[in-house]
Amino acid sequence: MKTNLVVLLVFVILSGCGKRTYQNVEVDNPPYHPNTIFQDYEDLTSPGFSHMVEKFQLDTIFHGETDEFKRILLLRHWIKSVIKISDFEKSHPG
């Protein structure tokens, strides 16, 4: 019984490995441009960052919230209320 099952499985596997033809199709995609703006990480130990935390009182934004997603939403709301962001100006990089 096991031998018949093994022979059947080998036959199915080998029959699926027949010679198949593939085609290369040329497409007109836009060229790839890697992100070159954000290539480095932010150093949280820098004096500039600690000055920003004190200036904007960033530790008070979260109000003791423990859920990470809710903290992200609170930070997003704070940024929108403090910093004017205009996506439709000529100086906006897109």
N, C-alpha and C. Protein backbone atom coordinates (compact mmCIF):
# COMPACT_ATOMS: atom_id res chain seq x y z
N MET A 1 0.83 -1.19 0.00
CA MET A 1 0.00 0.00 0.00
C MET A 1 0.88 1.26 0.00
N LYS A 2 1.89 1.29 0.90
CA LYS A 2 2.76 2.45 0.97
C LYS A 2 3.59 2.60 -0.29
N THR A 3 3.99 1.47 -0.87
CA THR A 3 4.79 1.52 -2.09
C THR A 3 3.99 2.11 -3.23
N ASN A 4 2.72 1.71 -3.33
CA ASN A 4 1.87 2.24 -4.39
C ASN A 4 1.67 3.76 -4.21
N LEU A 5 1.53 4.20 -2.98
CA LEU A 5 1.35 5.62 -2.70
C LEU A 5 2.61 6.41 -3.05
N VAL A 6 3.78 5.86 -2.72
CA VAL A 6 5.04 6.53 -3.04
C VAL A 6 5.22 6.60 -4.56
N VAL A 7 4.93 5.52 -5.28
CA VAL A 7 5.06 5.50 -6.73
C VAL A 7 4.09 6.51 -7.35
N LEU A 8 2.88 6.57 -6.83
CA LEU A 8 1.90 7.53 -7.34
C LEU A 8 2.36 8.97 -7.09
N LEU A 9 2.91 9.27 -5.91
CA LEU A 9 3.39 10.61 -5.60
C LEU A 9 4.57 10.99 -6.50
N VAL A 10 5.48 10.07 -6.72
CA VAL A 10 6.63 10.34 -7.59
C VAL A 10 6.14 10.61 -9.01
N PHE A 11 5.20 9.82 -9.48
CA PHE A 11 4.65 10.02 -10.82
C PHE A 11 3.99 11.39 -10.96
N VAL A 12 3.21 11.81 -9.94
CA VAL A 12 2.53 13.10 -9.98
C VAL A 12 3.55 14.24 -9.97
N ILE A 13 4.57 14.11 -9.15
CA ILE A 13 5.59 15.15 -9.06
C ILE A 13 6.36 15.26 -10.37
N LEU A 14 6.77 14.13 -10.93
CA LEU A 14 7.54 14.15 -12.17
C LEU A 14 6.71 14.57 -13.37
N SER A 15 5.42 14.27 -13.36
CA SER A 15 4.59 14.68 -14.48
C SER A 15 4.36 16.19 -14.46
N GLY A 16 4.44 16.82 -13.31
CA GLY A 16 4.29 18.26 -13.22
C GLY A 16 5.57 19.00 -13.57
N CYS A 17 6.67 18.29 -13.71
CA CYS A 17 7.96 18.92 -14.01
C CYS A 17 8.30 18.84 -15.48
N GLY A 18 7.33 18.76 -16.33
CA GLY A 18 7.59 18.69 -17.76
C GLY A 18 8.17 20.01 -18.26
N LYS A 19 8.66 19.98 -19.47
CA LYS A 19 9.27 21.18 -20.03
C LYS A 19 8.18 22.18 -20.38
N ARG A 20 8.25 23.34 -19.70
CA ARG A 20 7.27 24.39 -19.94
C ARG A 20 7.99 25.58 -20.52
N THR A 21 7.30 26.29 -21.35
CA THR A 21 7.91 27.46 -21.96
C THR A 21 7.43 28.71 -21.22
N TYR A 22 8.35 29.62 -21.06
CA TYR A 22 8.06 30.90 -20.41
C TYR A 22 8.36 32.02 -21.40
N GLN A 23 7.66 33.11 -21.23
CA GLN A 23 7.86 34.25 -22.11
C GLN A 23 8.32 35.44 -21.29
N ASN A 24 9.27 36.17 -21.83
CA ASN A 24 9.68 37.44 -21.24
C ASN A 24 8.94 38.54 -21.98
N VAL A 25 8.20 39.32 -21.23
CA VAL A 25 7.40 40.39 -21.82
C VAL A 25 8.00 41.72 -21.37
N GLU A 26 8.34 42.56 -22.32
CA GLU A 26 8.86 43.89 -22.00
C GLU A 26 7.69 44.79 -21.60
N VAL A 27 7.86 45.48 -20.49
CA VAL A 27 6.84 46.40 -20.02
C VAL A 27 7.44 47.79 -19.88
N ASP A 28 6.60 48.77 -19.91
CA ASP A 28 7.05 50.15 -19.83
C ASP A 28 6.75 50.68 -18.42
N ASN A 29 7.53 50.25 -17.44
CA ASN A 29 7.37 50.70 -16.06
C ASN A 29 8.21 51.94 -15.82
N PRO A 30 7.81 52.77 -14.86
CA PRO A 30 8.66 53.92 -14.53
C PRO A 30 9.95 53.44 -13.89
N PRO A 31 11.02 54.20 -14.02
CA PRO A 31 12.29 53.77 -13.43
C PRO A 31 12.22 53.80 -11.91
N TYR A 32 12.99 52.92 -11.28
CA TYR A 32 13.03 52.84 -9.82
C TYR A 32 13.96 53.92 -9.27
N HIS A 33 13.46 54.68 -8.32
CA HIS A 33 14.26 55.69 -7.65
C HIS A 33 14.28 55.37 -6.16
N PRO A 34 15.40 54.94 -5.61
CA PRO A 34 15.44 54.60 -4.19
C PRO A 34 15.28 55.84 -3.32
N ASN A 35 14.83 55.64 -2.10
CA ASN A 35 14.65 56.73 -1.16
C ASN A 35 16.03 57.18 -0.68
N THR A 36 16.40 58.39 -1.02
CA THR A 36 17.71 58.91 -0.60
C THR A 36 17.57 60.00 0.46
N ILE A 37 16.34 60.32 0.87
CA ILE A 37 16.14 61.38 1.86
C ILE A 37 16.39 60.84 3.27
N PHE A 38 15.80 59.73 3.62
CA PHE A 38 15.91 59.19 4.97
C PHE A 38 16.84 57.98 4.97
N GLN A 39 18.13 58.21 4.91
CA GLN A 39 19.07 57.11 4.88
C GLN A 39 19.71 56.85 6.24
N ASP A 40 19.51 57.71 7.20
CA ASP A 40 20.19 57.58 8.47
C ASP A 40 19.15 57.50 9.59
N TYR A 41 19.56 57.16 10.76
CA TYR A 41 18.65 57.08 11.89
C TYR A 41 18.86 58.30 12.78
N GLU A 42 17.85 58.57 13.60
CA GLU A 42 17.91 59.72 14.49
C GLU A 42 18.63 59.32 15.77
N ASP A 43 19.59 60.11 16.17
CA ASP A 43 20.33 59.86 17.40
C ASP A 43 19.56 60.49 18.57
N LEU A 44 18.90 59.65 19.36
CA LEU A 44 18.08 60.16 20.45
C LEU A 44 18.91 60.68 21.62
N THR A 45 20.21 60.45 21.62
CA THR A 45 21.07 60.95 22.69
C THR A 45 21.70 62.30 22.35
N SER A 46 21.38 62.84 21.19
CA SER A 46 21.99 64.11 20.79
C SER A 46 21.40 65.26 21.62
N PRO A 47 22.17 66.30 21.86
CA PRO A 47 21.66 67.44 22.62
C PRO A 47 20.50 68.15 21.92
N GLY A 48 20.50 68.13 20.60
CA GLY A 48 19.40 68.77 19.87
C GLY A 48 18.07 68.09 20.13
N PHE A 49 18.09 66.77 20.25
CA PHE A 49 16.86 66.04 20.51
C PHE A 49 16.36 66.34 21.92
N SER A 50 17.24 66.36 22.91
CA SER A 50 16.81 66.66 24.27
C SER A 50 16.28 68.10 24.37
N HIS A 51 16.87 69.02 23.60
CA HIS A 51 16.35 70.39 23.57
C HIS A 51 14.95 70.42 22.96
N MET A 52 14.72 69.64 21.92
CA MET A 52 13.40 69.59 21.30
C MET A 52 12.37 69.00 22.26
N VAL A 53 12.76 67.98 23.04
CA VAL A 53 11.85 67.38 24.02
C VAL A 53 11.44 68.43 25.05
N GLU A 54 12.41 69.22 25.52
CA GLU A 54 12.10 70.26 26.51
C GLU A 54 11.29 71.40 25.90
N LYS A 55 11.65 71.82 24.71
CA LYS A 55 10.98 72.96 24.07
C LYS A 55 9.51 72.68 23.80
N PHE A 56 9.22 71.51 23.23
CA PHE A 56 7.86 71.17 22.86
C PHE A 56 7.15 70.32 23.90
N GLN A 57 7.82 70.00 25.00
CA GLN A 57 7.26 69.17 26.08
C GLN A 57 6.66 67.88 25.51
N LEU A 58 7.51 67.17 24.79
CA LEU A 58 7.05 65.95 24.11
C LEU A 58 6.64 64.84 25.07
N ASP A 59 7.13 64.87 26.30
CA ASP A 59 6.74 63.82 27.24
C ASP A 59 5.30 63.99 27.73
N THR A 60 4.68 65.15 27.48
CA THR A 60 3.30 65.36 27.92
C THR A 60 2.28 65.02 26.83
N ILE A 61 2.74 64.67 25.65
CA ILE A 61 1.82 64.39 24.54
C ILE A 61 1.01 63.12 24.80
N PHE A 62 1.64 62.13 25.37
CA PHE A 62 1.01 60.81 25.46
C PHE A 62 0.13 60.64 26.69
N HIS A 63 0.28 61.46 27.70
CA HIS A 63 -0.56 61.42 28.90
C HIS A 63 -0.64 60.04 29.52
N GLY A 64 0.47 59.33 29.58
CA GLY A 64 0.52 58.01 30.22
C GLY A 64 -0.13 56.90 29.42
N GLU A 65 -0.34 57.10 28.15
CA GLU A 65 -0.95 56.07 27.28
C GLU A 65 0.03 54.92 27.09
N THR A 66 -0.44 53.69 27.24
CA THR A 66 0.44 52.53 27.12
C THR A 66 0.30 51.82 25.77
N ASP A 67 -0.83 52.00 25.09
CA ASP A 67 -1.03 51.35 23.81
C ASP A 67 -0.21 52.08 22.74
N GLU A 68 0.67 51.35 22.06
CA GLU A 68 1.59 51.96 21.10
C GLU A 68 0.86 52.62 19.93
N PHE A 69 -0.20 52.00 19.44
CA PHE A 69 -0.94 52.59 18.32
C PHE A 69 -1.61 53.89 18.73
N LYS A 70 -2.18 53.92 19.92
CA LYS A 70 -2.80 55.15 20.40
C LYS A 70 -1.77 56.24 20.63
N ARG A 71 -0.57 55.86 21.05
CA ARG A 71 0.51 56.84 21.20
C ARG A 71 0.89 57.44 19.85
N ILE A 72 0.93 56.61 18.80
CA ILE A 72 1.23 57.11 17.47
C ILE A 72 0.14 58.08 17.01
N LEU A 73 -1.13 57.75 17.28
CA LEU A 73 -2.22 58.64 16.89
C LEU A 73 -2.17 59.96 17.65
N LEU A 74 -1.82 59.90 18.95
CA LEU A 74 -1.69 61.14 19.73
C LEU A 74 -0.56 62.00 19.19
N LEU A 75 0.55 61.39 18.84
CA LEU A 75 1.67 62.14 18.28
C LEU A 75 1.29 62.74 16.93
N ARG A 76 0.58 61.98 16.13
CA ARG A 76 0.12 62.47 14.83
C ARG A 76 -0.79 63.68 14.99
N HIS A 77 -1.73 63.59 15.93
CA HIS A 77 -2.63 64.70 16.19
C HIS A 77 -1.86 65.92 16.69
N TRP A 78 -0.90 65.71 17.56
CA TRP A 78 -0.11 66.82 18.10
C TRP A 78 0.68 67.51 16.98
N ILE A 79 1.30 66.71 16.11
CA ILE A 79 2.07 67.29 15.00
C ILE A 79 1.17 68.13 14.11
N LYS A 80 -0.03 67.61 13.82
CA LYS A 80 -0.96 68.35 12.95
C LYS A 80 -1.42 69.64 13.60
N SER A 81 -1.57 69.66 14.92
CA SER A 81 -2.04 70.86 15.59
C SER A 81 -0.93 71.89 15.79
N VAL A 82 0.34 71.47 15.80
CA VAL A 82 1.44 72.40 16.08
C VAL A 82 2.13 72.86 14.80
N ILE A 83 2.32 71.95 13.85
CA ILE A 83 3.09 72.25 12.65
C ILE A 83 2.15 72.36 11.46
N LYS A 84 2.25 73.47 10.73
CA LYS A 84 1.43 73.65 9.54
C LYS A 84 2.03 72.81 8.41
N ILE A 85 1.28 71.88 7.90
CA ILE A 85 1.73 71.02 6.81
C ILE A 85 0.85 71.29 5.60
N SER A 86 1.47 71.73 4.53
CA SER A 86 0.74 72.00 3.30
C SER A 86 1.33 71.14 2.19
N ASP A 87 0.54 70.24 1.68
CA ASP A 87 1.01 69.32 0.64
C ASP A 87 0.97 69.93 -0.75
N PHE A 88 0.41 71.11 -0.90
CA PHE A 88 0.18 71.64 -2.23
C PHE A 88 0.97 72.91 -2.50
N GLU A 89 2.08 73.09 -1.82
CA GLU A 89 2.95 74.22 -2.10
C GLU A 89 4.05 73.79 -3.06
N LYS A 90 4.64 74.79 -3.71
CA LYS A 90 5.71 74.48 -4.67
C LYS A 90 6.94 73.93 -3.98
N SER A 91 7.15 74.28 -2.71
CA SER A 91 8.33 73.80 -2.00
C SER A 91 8.18 72.39 -1.48
N HIS A 92 6.96 71.82 -1.56
CA HIS A 92 6.72 70.45 -1.08
C HIS A 92 7.38 69.46 -2.03
N PRO A 93 8.23 68.55 -1.50
CA PRO A 93 8.96 67.65 -2.40
C PRO A 93 8.11 66.58 -3.04
N GLY A 94 6.88 66.39 -2.57
CA GLY A 94 6.05 65.37 -3.16
C GLY A 94 6.14 64.16 -2.36
